Amino acid sequence: MDFLMSIWSFFATNILTQPAYFIGVMVLVGYLLLKKPLYEAFAGFIKATVGYMILAVGSGGLVNNFRPILVGLKDRFNLDAMVIDPYFGQNAVTAGLGERFGRTFSQVMLLLLIAFIMNLLLVRLKKWTKMRAVFTTGHVQMQQASTAFWLILFCFPKLGDTPILIIMGLILGLYWAVGSNLTVEITQELTEGGGFAIAHQQMFGIAIFAKLADKLKGKSTKRLDDLKFPGFLSIFNENMVATSILMFLFFGAILLVLGKDYLVSMEFMKAADNFFFYIMTTSLNFAVYLAILQLGVRTFVTELTNSFQGISNTFLPGAVPGIDCAAVFGFGSANAVTVGFLMGALGQFLAIMILLLMKSPTLVIAGFVPVFFDNAVIAIYADNRGGIKAAMLFPFLSGLIQVFGSALIAGGVGLAAYGGYLGMFDWATVWPLFTVIMKFLGYFGVAIVVLILLAIPQLQYRKHPDTYFLITEDYDEYLEKMKEKEAQKA
């Protein structure tokens, strides 16, 4: 048993929770199963791994670029608050598990294993479960397993280790399978048969807002790409230029409030640096890192979706990989990313001000990962389905929900005291609901949560039984089938 745990620990530490290598290994295995030559499989491994590393450089650069603003706002206004961010959330769980519940973080790794196996089984049994996507985003799985472990301990603090891990492994594995499955149709539509789903922290949010965006669609719905500015405003038709200018206004306004003296004292800039050019560089870096991130997406997504056919054909027929939400940054409107970020930030800042004015016992500091990745992705899907109005409205609403929902759940379960909470959309909405149900209804509540999750894909299937699996198995045939349906309606 110890030997098997050592193998699992090695795999989880070095591959599963290191997404670049996990994606690379999947590509390698997929190509080998497709009987590609070894050198082609190895080349695919390199391209996929390097592509994800490029994405990580862009993502990390965006986070670090935003850090002076987040730290500055917290210090400048003397806010003693928790940060909503997946990494702060994981650190909070690590800090509080022993003190609050007398448990160790090593149990989180076991939870991750059980949940991942559950996800694979649910997809393998898709004929009955109707679940089509495998959650492959390892670092996100680790973050979610950490927070989920805390939430189940809050609901059942006296329960033994084994039943705790089984209950939460079942629920978390279901969430991964059901959440990714919810994004299959809308992602295939957005990417024109890209062959992947989303496996991240806002899967329910994407599905909900995409559905609501349909309600805003009119006969002459304009998407962000349809906006063509006249005269000198035509420079905004270029995504890189529009992003740079908008970020200059956004960063500039906040950095001016913070002031050069503060930034120098915190060593974000040197006393000899010119303040204007510091603002300019910070703003332009946003466009630079976004371009790097998009390059990484283009590099690894093609390799993954092509090679996954080998895994799908051999072990998981008709399944698609659920991958990082940043993968869709290369699809849809390029400006949706910037618009979603700005509107989400506006929503979060407004919600934080409301908490301050109401003297909330739990105060929140915005983290970059929720404000950017949740809301940029929601804007991409919303714009694709409902146009400009949807792309602006729904990220703003998401920003409000992220702050209010996180403040309620983190304060209620005690994580706020340790300085952080995961804070992404699903963990400010879906998981607080699950936690309340289980806390007040006990094992009956667990059964309700499991039944809710099992029912969702069944309802999806009942709506389109003839094309439900076809959309992942043969997208071209799916399109033909949909054309026939439209012709029959006409």
Protein backbone atom coordinates (compact mmCIF):
# COMPACT_ATOMS: atom_id res chain seq x y z
CA MET A 1 0.00 0.00 0.00
CA ASP A 2 2.83 2.39 0.89
CA PHE A 3 4.51 1.56 -2.43
CA LEU A 4 1.33 2.40 -4.37
CA MET A 5 0.92 5.64 -2.43
CA SER A 6 4.52 6.56 -3.25
CA ILE A 7 3.83 6.03 -6.95
CA TRP A 8 0.65 8.11 -6.73
CA SER A 9 2.43 10.84 -4.79
CA PHE A 10 5.20 10.99 -7.42
CA PHE A 11 2.68 11.10 -10.27
CA ALA A 12 0.47 13.70 -8.57
CA THR A 13 3.38 15.94 -7.56
CA ASN A 14 5.40 15.82 -10.79
CA ILE A 15 2.81 15.27 -13.50
CA LEU A 16 -0.87 15.57 -12.53
CA THR A 17 -0.53 18.92 -10.74
CA GLN A 18 2.04 20.21 -13.25
CA PRO A 19 -0.32 20.94 -16.15
CA ALA A 20 2.39 21.43 -18.78
CA TYR A 21 3.73 17.91 -18.22
CA PHE A 22 0.29 16.38 -17.74
CA ILE A 23 -0.88 17.82 -21.06
CA GLY A 24 2.41 16.72 -22.68
CA VAL A 25 2.09 13.15 -21.38
CA MET A 26 -1.53 12.96 -22.60
CA VAL A 27 -0.42 14.09 -26.06
CA LEU A 28 2.42 11.54 -26.09
CA VAL A 29 0.13 8.68 -25.03
CA GLY A 30 -2.59 9.81 -27.44
CA TYR A 31 -0.30 9.84 -30.45
CA LEU A 32 1.19 6.46 -29.52
CA LEU A 33 -2.33 5.01 -29.29
CA LEU A 34 -2.99 6.45 -32.75
CA LYS A 35 0.09 4.47 -33.86
CA LYS A 36 2.01 7.60 -34.84
CA PRO A 37 5.80 7.18 -35.20
CA LEU A 38 7.68 7.65 -31.93
CA TYR A 39 9.42 10.79 -33.21
CA GLU A 40 6.05 12.38 -34.08
CA ALA A 41 4.65 11.50 -30.66
CA PHE A 42 7.73 12.96 -28.99
CA ALA A 43 7.48 16.13 -31.10
CA GLY A 44 3.83 16.44 -30.05
CA PHE A 45 4.87 16.07 -26.39
CA ILE A 46 7.43 18.88 -26.80
CA LYS A 47 5.03 21.23 -28.60
CA ALA A 48 2.20 20.65 -26.11
CA THR A 49 4.46 21.02 -23.06
CA VAL A 50 6.22 24.12 -24.38
CA GLY A 51 2.89 25.58 -25.49
CA TYR A 52 1.44 25.24 -22.00
CA MET A 53 4.63 26.69 -20.52
CA ILE A 54 4.24 29.69 -22.84
CA LEU A 55 0.65 30.04 -21.63
CA ALA A 56 1.90 29.89 -18.03
CA VAL A 57 4.44 32.66 -18.73
CA GLY A 58 1.68 34.87 -20.10
CA SER A 59 -0.67 34.02 -17.24
CA GLY A 60 2.01 34.58 -14.57
CA GLY A 61 3.03 37.85 -16.18
CA LEU A 62 -0.54 39.13 -16.07
CA VAL A 63 -0.83 38.21 -12.38
CA ASN A 64 2.49 39.86 -11.45
CA ASN A 65 1.71 42.93 -13.54
CA PHE A 66 -1.49 43.47 -11.56
CA ARG A 67 0.12 42.87 -8.15
CA PRO A 68 1.14 46.50 -7.37
CA ILE A 69 -2.48 47.58 -7.79
CA LEU A 70 -3.92 44.89 -5.51
CA VAL A 71 -1.27 45.35 -2.82
CA GLY A 72 -1.49 49.12 -3.14
CA LEU A 73 -5.26 49.31 -2.75
CA LYS A 74 -5.09 47.06 0.32
CA ASP A 75 -2.33 49.10 2.00
CA ARG A 76 -3.45 52.56 0.89
CA PHE A 77 -6.94 52.16 2.33
CA ASN A 78 -5.89 50.02 5.33
CA LEU A 79 -8.06 47.08 4.32
CA ASP A 80 -7.66 44.08 6.60
CA ALA A 81 -9.34 41.56 4.37
CA MET A 82 -9.10 38.14 2.79
CA VAL A 83 -8.00 37.79 -0.82
CA ILE A 84 -10.21 35.88 -3.26
CA ASP A 85 -7.70 33.97 -5.35
CA PRO A 86 -7.12 30.21 -5.88
CA TYR A 87 -3.56 30.32 -4.56
CA PHE A 88 -4.48 32.39 -1.49
CA GLY A 89 -7.37 29.97 -0.96
CA GLN A 90 -5.08 26.95 -1.06
CA ASN A 91 -2.65 28.61 1.34
CA ALA A 92 -5.52 29.41 3.72
CA VAL A 93 -6.60 25.75 3.75
CA THR A 94 -3.01 24.62 4.37
CA ALA A 95 -2.66 27.08 7.25
CA GLY A 96 -5.94 26.21 8.94
CA LEU A 97 -6.50 22.46 8.45
CA GLY A 98 -4.47 21.34 11.45
CA GLU A 99 -5.55 24.12 13.78
CA ARG A 100 -9.26 24.01 12.92
CA PHE A 101 -9.89 20.33 12.18
CA GLY A 102 -6.76 18.44 13.24
CA ARG A 103 -6.23 17.09 9.71
CA THR A 104 -3.22 17.15 7.38
CA PHE A 105 -2.88 18.49 3.84
CA SER A 106 -1.67 15.08 2.62
CA GLN A 107 -5.29 13.93 2.77
CA VAL A 108 -6.07 16.45 0.04
CA MET A 109 -3.89 14.38 -2.33
CA LEU A 110 -6.00 11.30 -1.57
CA LEU A 111 -9.16 13.29 -2.21
CA LEU A 112 -7.75 14.39 -5.56
CA LEU A 113 -7.03 10.76 -6.51
CA ILE A 114 -10.52 9.54 -5.57
CA ALA A 115 -12.22 12.43 -7.38
CA PHE A 116 -10.10 11.95 -10.52
CA ILE A 117 -10.89 8.22 -10.67
CA MET A 118 -14.56 9.06 -10.17
CA ASN A 119 -14.41 11.52 -13.10
CA LEU A 120 -12.86 8.86 -15.36
CA LEU A 121 -15.45 6.24 -14.36
CA LEU A 122 -18.35 8.61 -14.97
CA VAL A 123 -17.08 9.39 -18.47
CA ARG A 124 -16.32 5.72 -19.21
CA LEU A 125 -19.94 4.94 -18.30
CA LYS A 126 -21.27 7.80 -20.42
CA LYS A 127 -23.92 5.56 -21.99
CA TRP A 128 -25.71 5.81 -18.64
CA THR A 129 -24.23 8.94 -17.02
CA LYS A 130 -24.31 11.11 -20.20
CA MET A 131 -20.99 12.72 -19.20
CA ARG A 132 -18.52 13.38 -22.03
CA ALA A 133 -15.56 15.41 -20.66
CA VAL A 134 -12.46 14.47 -18.63
CA PHE A 135 -11.18 17.17 -16.27
CA THR A 136 -7.44 17.44 -17.04
CA THR A 137 -6.43 20.76 -15.45
CA GLY A 138 -4.23 19.42 -12.65
CA HIS A 139 -3.34 22.61 -10.79
CA VAL A 140 -7.02 23.58 -10.70
CA GLN A 141 -7.89 20.12 -9.37
CA MET A 142 -5.43 20.65 -6.52
CA GLN A 143 -6.90 24.06 -5.64
CA GLN A 144 -10.44 22.71 -5.72
CA ALA A 145 -9.60 19.58 -3.75
CA SER A 146 -8.12 21.81 -1.03
CA THR A 147 -11.19 24.00 -0.69
CA ALA A 148 -13.60 21.06 -1.07
CA PHE A 149 -11.81 19.22 1.75
CA TRP A 150 -12.32 22.22 4.05
CA LEU A 151 -16.01 22.51 3.11
CA ILE A 152 -16.77 18.83 3.76
CA LEU A 153 -14.95 19.00 7.11
CA PHE A 154 -17.04 22.05 8.00
CA CYS A 155 -20.20 20.06 7.24
CA PHE A 156 -19.06 16.83 8.96
CA PRO A 157 -16.27 17.76 11.42
CA LYS A 158 -16.51 14.52 13.44
CA LEU A 159 -16.58 12.13 10.50
CA GLY A 160 -13.62 9.75 10.08
CA ASP A 161 -11.01 10.12 7.35
CA THR A 162 -12.26 7.33 5.07
CA PRO A 163 -15.95 8.34 4.87
CA ILE A 164 -14.96 12.02 4.51
CA LEU A 165 -12.72 11.22 1.54
CA ILE A 166 -15.30 8.93 -0.09
CA ILE A 167 -18.15 11.45 0.23
CA MET A 168 -16.12 14.39 -1.03
CA GLY A 169 -14.37 12.33 -3.71
CA LEU A 170 -17.78 11.37 -5.08
CA ILE A 171 -19.11 14.94 -5.05
CA LEU A 172 -15.93 16.55 -6.39
CA GLY A 173 -15.55 13.93 -9.14
CA LEU A 174 -19.18 14.51 -10.11
CA TYR A 175 -18.63 18.28 -10.16
CA TRP A 176 -15.62 17.90 -12.47
CA ALA A 177 -17.48 15.60 -14.86
CA VAL A 178 -20.78 17.51 -14.82
CA GLY A 179 -19.22 20.98 -14.96
CA SER A 180 -16.95 20.17 -17.91
CA ASN A 181 -19.86 18.44 -19.64
CA LEU A 182 -21.96 21.61 -19.34
CA THR A 183 -19.43 23.46 -21.51
CA VAL A 184 -19.22 20.93 -24.35
CA GLU A 185 -21.89 22.33 -26.72
CA ILE A 186 -21.08 26.00 -26.22
CA THR A 187 -17.34 25.37 -26.58
CA GLN A 188 -17.76 23.29 -29.74
CA GLU A 189 -19.90 26.11 -31.11
CA LEU A 190 -17.38 28.80 -30.14
CA THR A 191 -14.35 26.90 -31.49
CA GLU A 192 -16.17 25.40 -34.51
CA GLY A 193 -15.48 21.85 -33.43
CA GLY A 194 -12.29 22.43 -31.46
CA GLY A 195 -12.73 19.11 -29.69
CA PHE A 196 -12.38 20.21 -26.07
CA ALA A 197 -14.41 21.45 -23.11
CA ILE A 198 -13.55 23.76 -20.22
CA ALA A 199 -12.20 22.33 -16.96
CA HIS A 200 -11.75 25.25 -14.62
CA GLN A 201 -13.42 27.19 -11.81
CA GLN A 202 -16.39 28.79 -13.62
CA MET A 203 -17.91 25.95 -15.63
CA PHE A 204 -21.43 26.41 -14.26
CA GLY A 205 -21.01 30.17 -14.68
CA ILE A 206 -20.07 29.82 -18.35
CA ALA A 207 -23.10 27.59 -19.00
CA ILE A 208 -25.51 29.87 -17.11
CA PHE A 209 -24.35 33.10 -18.75
CA ALA A 210 -24.23 31.52 -22.22
CA LYS A 211 -27.85 30.48 -21.72
CA LEU A 212 -28.82 33.95 -20.52
CA ALA A 213 -26.92 35.53 -23.43
CA ASP A 214 -29.25 33.68 -25.81
CA LYS A 215 -32.13 35.63 -24.26
CA LEU A 216 -30.46 38.92 -25.24
CA LYS A 217 -29.94 37.84 -28.82
CA GLY A 218 -31.93 39.81 -31.37
CA LYS A 219 -32.27 39.71 -35.14
CA SER A 220 -29.52 42.31 -35.52
CA THR A 221 -27.32 41.38 -32.57
CA LYS A 222 -23.87 42.93 -32.90
CA ARG A 223 -20.80 41.21 -31.54
CA LEU A 224 -17.69 43.02 -30.39
CA ASP A 225 -15.92 42.16 -33.65
CA ASP A 226 -18.73 43.88 -35.56
CA LEU A 227 -17.87 47.21 -33.94
CA LYS A 228 -16.06 49.36 -36.48
CA PHE A 229 -15.03 52.77 -35.23
CA PRO A 230 -14.80 55.67 -37.70
CA GLY A 231 -12.01 58.23 -38.14
CA PHE A 232 -9.30 58.36 -35.49
CA LEU A 233 -11.30 55.92 -33.34
CA SER A 234 -10.52 53.25 -35.94
CA ILE A 235 -7.34 52.50 -33.97
CA PHE A 236 -9.62 50.65 -31.51
CA ASN A 237 -10.43 48.16 -34.27
CA GLU A 238 -6.98 46.65 -33.61
CA ASN A 239 -7.11 44.43 -30.52
CA MET A 240 -3.55 45.09 -29.32
CA VAL A 241 -3.99 48.86 -29.63
CA ALA A 242 -7.41 48.81 -27.95
CA THR A 243 -6.10 46.68 -25.07
CA SER A 244 -3.06 48.93 -24.54
CA ILE A 245 -5.07 52.16 -24.50
CA LEU A 246 -7.82 50.82 -22.23
CA MET A 247 -5.27 49.37 -19.82
CA PHE A 248 -3.38 52.68 -19.80
CA LEU A 249 -6.56 54.45 -18.67
CA PHE A 250 -7.41 51.70 -16.14
CA PHE A 251 -3.93 51.22 -14.66
CA GLY A 252 -3.11 54.91 -14.94
CA ALA A 253 -6.09 56.05 -12.88
CA ILE A 254 -5.36 53.60 -10.05
CA LEU A 255 -1.58 54.09 -10.04
CA LEU A 256 -2.05 57.88 -9.90
CA VAL A 257 -4.21 57.40 -6.79
CA LEU A 258 -1.51 55.23 -5.21
CA GLY A 259 1.22 57.74 -6.12
CA LYS A 260 4.89 57.35 -7.00
CA ASP A 261 6.10 57.66 -3.39
CA TYR A 262 4.08 54.63 -2.31
CA LEU A 263 5.21 52.53 -5.29
CA VAL A 264 8.85 53.42 -4.56
CA SER A 265 8.46 52.62 -0.85
CA MET A 266 7.07 49.18 -1.74
CA GLU A 267 9.89 48.66 -4.28
CA PHE A 268 7.51 48.28 -7.21
CA MET A 269 9.50 51.00 -8.97
CA LYS A 270 12.78 52.85 -8.39
CA ALA A 271 13.01 56.48 -7.30
CA ALA A 272 14.93 57.31 -10.49
CA ASP A 273 12.20 55.85 -12.73
CA ASN A 274 9.87 58.20 -14.58
CA PHE A 275 6.32 57.77 -13.23
CA PHE A 276 4.63 58.29 -16.61
CA PHE A 277 6.76 55.64 -18.29
CA TYR A 278 6.22 53.25 -15.37
CA ILE A 279 2.46 53.54 -15.97
CA MET A 280 2.98 53.18 -19.71
CA THR A 281 5.15 50.08 -19.31
CA THR A 282 2.72 48.47 -16.85
CA SER A 283 -0.15 49.08 -19.26
CA LEU A 284 1.67 47.81 -22.35
CA ASN A 285 2.90 44.74 -20.46
CA PHE A 286 -0.74 43.68 -20.13
CA ALA A 287 -1.04 43.51 -23.93
CA VAL A 288 2.35 41.76 -24.16
CA TYR A 289 1.48 39.02 -21.66
CA LEU A 290 -1.96 38.56 -23.21
CA ALA A 291 -0.33 38.01 -26.62
CA ILE A 292 2.10 35.49 -25.06
CA LEU A 293 -0.80 33.65 -23.42
CA GLN A 294 -2.68 33.45 -26.73
CA LEU A 295 0.45 32.10 -28.48
CA GLY A 296 0.68 29.36 -25.85
CA VAL A 297 -2.98 28.47 -26.41
CA ARG A 298 -2.50 28.13 -30.16
CA THR A 299 0.60 25.98 -29.62
CA PHE A 300 -0.81 23.31 -27.29
CA VAL A 301 -4.56 23.14 -28.06
CA THR A 302 -4.18 21.70 -31.57
CA GLU A 303 -1.77 19.01 -30.37
CA LEU A 304 -4.01 18.05 -27.46
CA THR A 305 -7.26 17.81 -29.41
CA ASN A 306 -5.65 15.84 -32.25
CA SER A 307 -3.86 13.37 -29.95
CA PHE A 308 -6.77 12.93 -27.53
CA GLN A 309 -8.55 10.95 -30.24
CA GLY A 310 -6.15 8.10 -29.42
CA ILE A 311 -7.17 8.11 -25.74
CA SER A 312 -10.81 8.61 -26.63
CA ASN A 313 -10.93 5.82 -29.21
CA THR A 314 -9.13 3.36 -26.91
CA PHE A 315 -10.38 4.05 -23.39
CA LEU A 316 -13.07 6.75 -23.40
CA PRO A 317 -15.08 6.60 -26.65
CA GLY A 318 -16.63 9.93 -27.61
CA ALA A 319 -14.98 11.85 -24.75
CA VAL A 320 -13.23 15.21 -25.02
CA PRO A 321 -10.57 16.70 -22.73
CA GLY A 322 -11.61 19.45 -20.35
CA ILE A 323 -8.78 21.99 -20.33
CA ASP A 324 -7.80 25.41 -18.95
CA CYS A 325 -10.30 28.19 -19.64
CA ALA A 326 -7.51 30.28 -21.21
CA ALA A 327 -7.71 27.91 -24.19
CA VAL A 328 -10.67 29.90 -25.55
CA PHE A 329 -8.71 33.17 -25.61
CA GLY A 330 -7.72 32.24 -29.16
CA PHE A 331 -11.37 32.03 -30.25
CA GLY A 332 -14.28 34.44 -30.48
CA SER A 333 -13.71 38.17 -30.26
CA ALA A 334 -10.20 39.20 -29.23
CA ASN A 335 -11.57 42.32 -27.55
CA ALA A 336 -13.94 40.25 -25.39
CA VAL A 337 -11.01 39.38 -23.11
CA THR A 338 -10.31 43.04 -22.33
CA VAL A 339 -13.98 44.00 -22.04
CA GLY A 340 -14.70 41.07 -19.72
CA PHE A 341 -11.76 41.92 -17.48
CA LEU A 342 -12.71 45.60 -17.21
CA MET A 343 -16.42 44.96 -16.55
CA GLY A 344 -15.62 42.20 -14.06
CA ALA A 345 -13.17 44.49 -12.25
CA LEU A 346 -15.83 47.20 -12.12
CA GLY A 347 -18.30 44.73 -10.61
CA GLN A 348 -15.78 43.48 -8.04
CA PHE A 349 -14.69 46.98 -6.98
CA LEU A 350 -18.32 48.09 -6.63
CA ALA A 351 -19.13 45.02 -4.51
CA ILE A 352 -16.09 45.65 -2.28
CA MET A 353 -17.21 49.26 -1.76
CA ILE A 354 -20.68 48.02 -0.77
CA LEU A 355 -19.15 45.60 1.76
CA LEU A 356 -17.13 48.48 3.22
CA LEU A 357 -20.14 50.79 3.44
CA MET A 358 -22.23 48.05 5.06
CA LYS A 359 -19.38 47.32 7.52
CA SER A 360 -19.42 43.66 6.57
CA PRO A 361 -17.65 41.39 9.10
CA THR A 362 -15.89 39.76 6.13
CA LEU A 363 -14.06 42.11 3.78
CA VAL A 364 -12.69 41.03 0.43
CA ILE A 365 -9.70 42.03 -1.68
CA ALA A 366 -9.95 41.26 -5.39
CA GLY A 367 -7.46 38.72 -6.70
CA PHE A 368 -6.33 38.89 -10.31
CA VAL A 369 -7.14 35.28 -11.25
CA PRO A 370 -10.91 35.51 -10.55
CA VAL A 371 -11.31 39.03 -11.89
CA PHE A 372 -9.47 38.26 -15.13
CA PHE A 373 -9.93 34.60 -16.02
CA ASP A 374 -13.55 34.20 -14.89
CA ASN A 375 -14.81 37.37 -16.47
CA ALA A 376 -12.75 37.34 -19.66
CA VAL A 377 -13.98 33.81 -20.41
CA ILE A 378 -17.59 34.66 -19.56
CA ALA A 379 -17.37 37.66 -21.92
CA ILE A 380 -16.08 35.48 -24.78
CA TYR A 381 -19.00 33.05 -24.50
CA ALA A 382 -21.54 35.80 -23.83
CA ASP A 383 -20.39 37.81 -26.86
CA ASN A 384 -20.52 34.72 -29.07
CA ARG A 385 -24.09 33.99 -27.98
CA GLY A 386 -25.63 37.39 -27.18
CA GLY A 387 -23.39 40.11 -28.57
CA ILE A 388 -22.01 43.29 -27.05
CA LYS A 389 -24.67 43.79 -24.36
CA ALA A 390 -24.14 40.29 -23.00
CA ALA A 391 -20.34 40.66 -23.13
CA MET A 392 -20.54 43.78 -20.95
CA LEU A 393 -23.41 42.90 -18.60
CA PHE A 394 -22.57 39.35 -17.53
CA PRO A 395 -18.92 39.87 -16.51
CA PHE A 396 -20.10 42.85 -14.43
CA LEU A 397 -22.71 40.67 -12.70
CA SER A 398 -20.11 37.95 -12.26
CA GLY A 399 -17.78 40.42 -10.52
CA LEU A 400 -20.51 41.33 -8.03
CA ILE A 401 -21.36 37.68 -7.40
CA GLN A 402 -17.72 36.66 -6.91
CA VAL A 403 -17.26 39.15 -4.07
CA PHE A 404 -20.62 38.77 -2.32
CA GLY A 405 -20.70 34.97 -2.63
CA SER A 406 -17.11 34.56 -1.46
CA ALA A 407 -17.63 36.88 1.51
CA LEU A 408 -20.64 34.84 2.63
CA ILE A 409 -19.13 31.37 2.28
CA ALA A 410 -15.59 32.19 3.48
CA GLY A 411 -16.93 34.03 6.51
CA GLY A 412 -19.40 31.26 7.27
CA VAL A 413 -16.98 28.33 7.08
CA GLY A 414 -14.08 30.11 8.78
CA LEU A 415 -11.64 30.39 5.86
CA ALA A 416 -11.69 34.20 5.92
CA ALA A 417 -9.75 34.10 9.19
CA TYR A 418 -6.82 32.52 7.34
CA GLY A 419 -6.64 35.23 4.69
CA GLY A 420 -7.95 33.66 1.52
CA TYR A 421 -10.68 31.86 -0.39
CA LEU A 422 -10.77 30.32 -3.87
CA GLY A 423 -13.23 33.00 -5.02
CA MET A 424 -13.93 31.91 -8.60
CA PHE A 425 -17.54 31.99 -9.87
CA ASP A 426 -18.60 28.39 -9.18
CA TRP A 427 -17.03 28.55 -5.73
CA ALA A 428 -18.98 31.71 -4.92
CA THR A 429 -22.30 30.21 -6.09
CA VAL A 430 -22.58 26.45 -6.62
CA TRP A 431 -20.35 25.32 -3.76
CA PRO A 432 -21.86 27.63 -1.13
CA LEU A 433 -25.24 26.12 -2.07
CA PHE A 434 -23.88 22.57 -1.77
CA THR A 435 -22.28 23.42 1.58
CA VAL A 436 -25.51 24.83 3.04
CA ILE A 437 -27.48 21.78 1.87
CA MET A 438 -24.99 19.33 3.42
CA LYS A 439 -24.51 21.32 6.63
CA PHE A 440 -28.19 21.53 7.48
CA LEU A 441 -29.45 18.25 6.00
CA GLY A 442 -26.49 15.99 6.79
CA TYR A 443 -26.31 12.73 4.82
CA PHE A 444 -29.69 13.48 3.26
CA GLY A 445 -28.10 16.70 1.98
CA VAL A 446 -25.22 14.70 0.48
CA ALA A 447 -27.77 12.56 -1.37
CA ILE A 448 -29.54 15.68 -2.66
CA VAL A 449 -26.27 17.18 -3.96
CA VAL A 450 -25.33 13.91 -5.69
CA LEU A 451 -28.78 13.60 -7.28
CA ILE A 452 -28.68 17.21 -8.50
CA LEU A 453 -25.33 16.62 -10.18
CA LEU A 454 -26.40 13.30 -11.70
CA ALA A 455 -29.61 14.85 -13.05
CA ILE A 456 -27.98 17.75 -14.93
CA PRO A 457 -26.44 15.74 -17.82
CA GLN A 458 -29.60 13.62 -18.04
CA LEU A 459 -31.61 16.80 -18.62
CA GLN A 460 -29.07 17.95 -21.22
CA TYR A 461 -29.39 14.63 -23.02
CA ARG A 462 -33.19 14.65 -23.02
CA LYS A 463 -33.18 18.01 -24.78
CA HIS A 464 -31.11 16.81 -27.77
CA PRO A 465 -30.86 12.99 -27.65
CA ASP A 466 -30.07 12.60 -31.36
CA THR A 467 -27.10 15.01 -31.41
CA TYR A 468 -25.91 14.88 -27.79
CA PHE A 469 -23.02 12.47 -28.40
CA LEU A 470 -22.61 13.31 -32.08
CA ILE A 471 -21.28 16.79 -31.28
CA THR A 472 -18.12 15.26 -29.77
CA GLU A 473 -17.86 12.19 -32.00
CA ASP A 474 -18.26 13.82 -35.44
CA TYR A 475 -18.71 17.59 -35.48
CA ASP A 476 -19.16 17.83 -39.26
CA GLU A 477 -21.96 15.28 -39.18
CA TYR A 478 -23.44 17.16 -36.22
CA LEU A 479 -23.56 20.35 -38.33
CA GLU A 480 -25.28 18.48 -41.16
CA LYS A 481 -27.84 17.12 -38.72
CA MET A 482 -28.52 20.61 -37.35
CA LYS A 483 -28.97 21.98 -40.90
CA GLU A 484 -31.54 19.27 -41.58
CA LYS A 485 -33.40 20.23 -38.41
CA GLU A 486 -33.42 23.91 -39.38
CA ALA A 487 -34.70 23.02 -42.86
CA GLN A 488 -37.53 20.97 -41.37
CA LYS A 489 -38.54 23.88 -39.12
CA ALA A 490 -38.59 26.24 -42.10
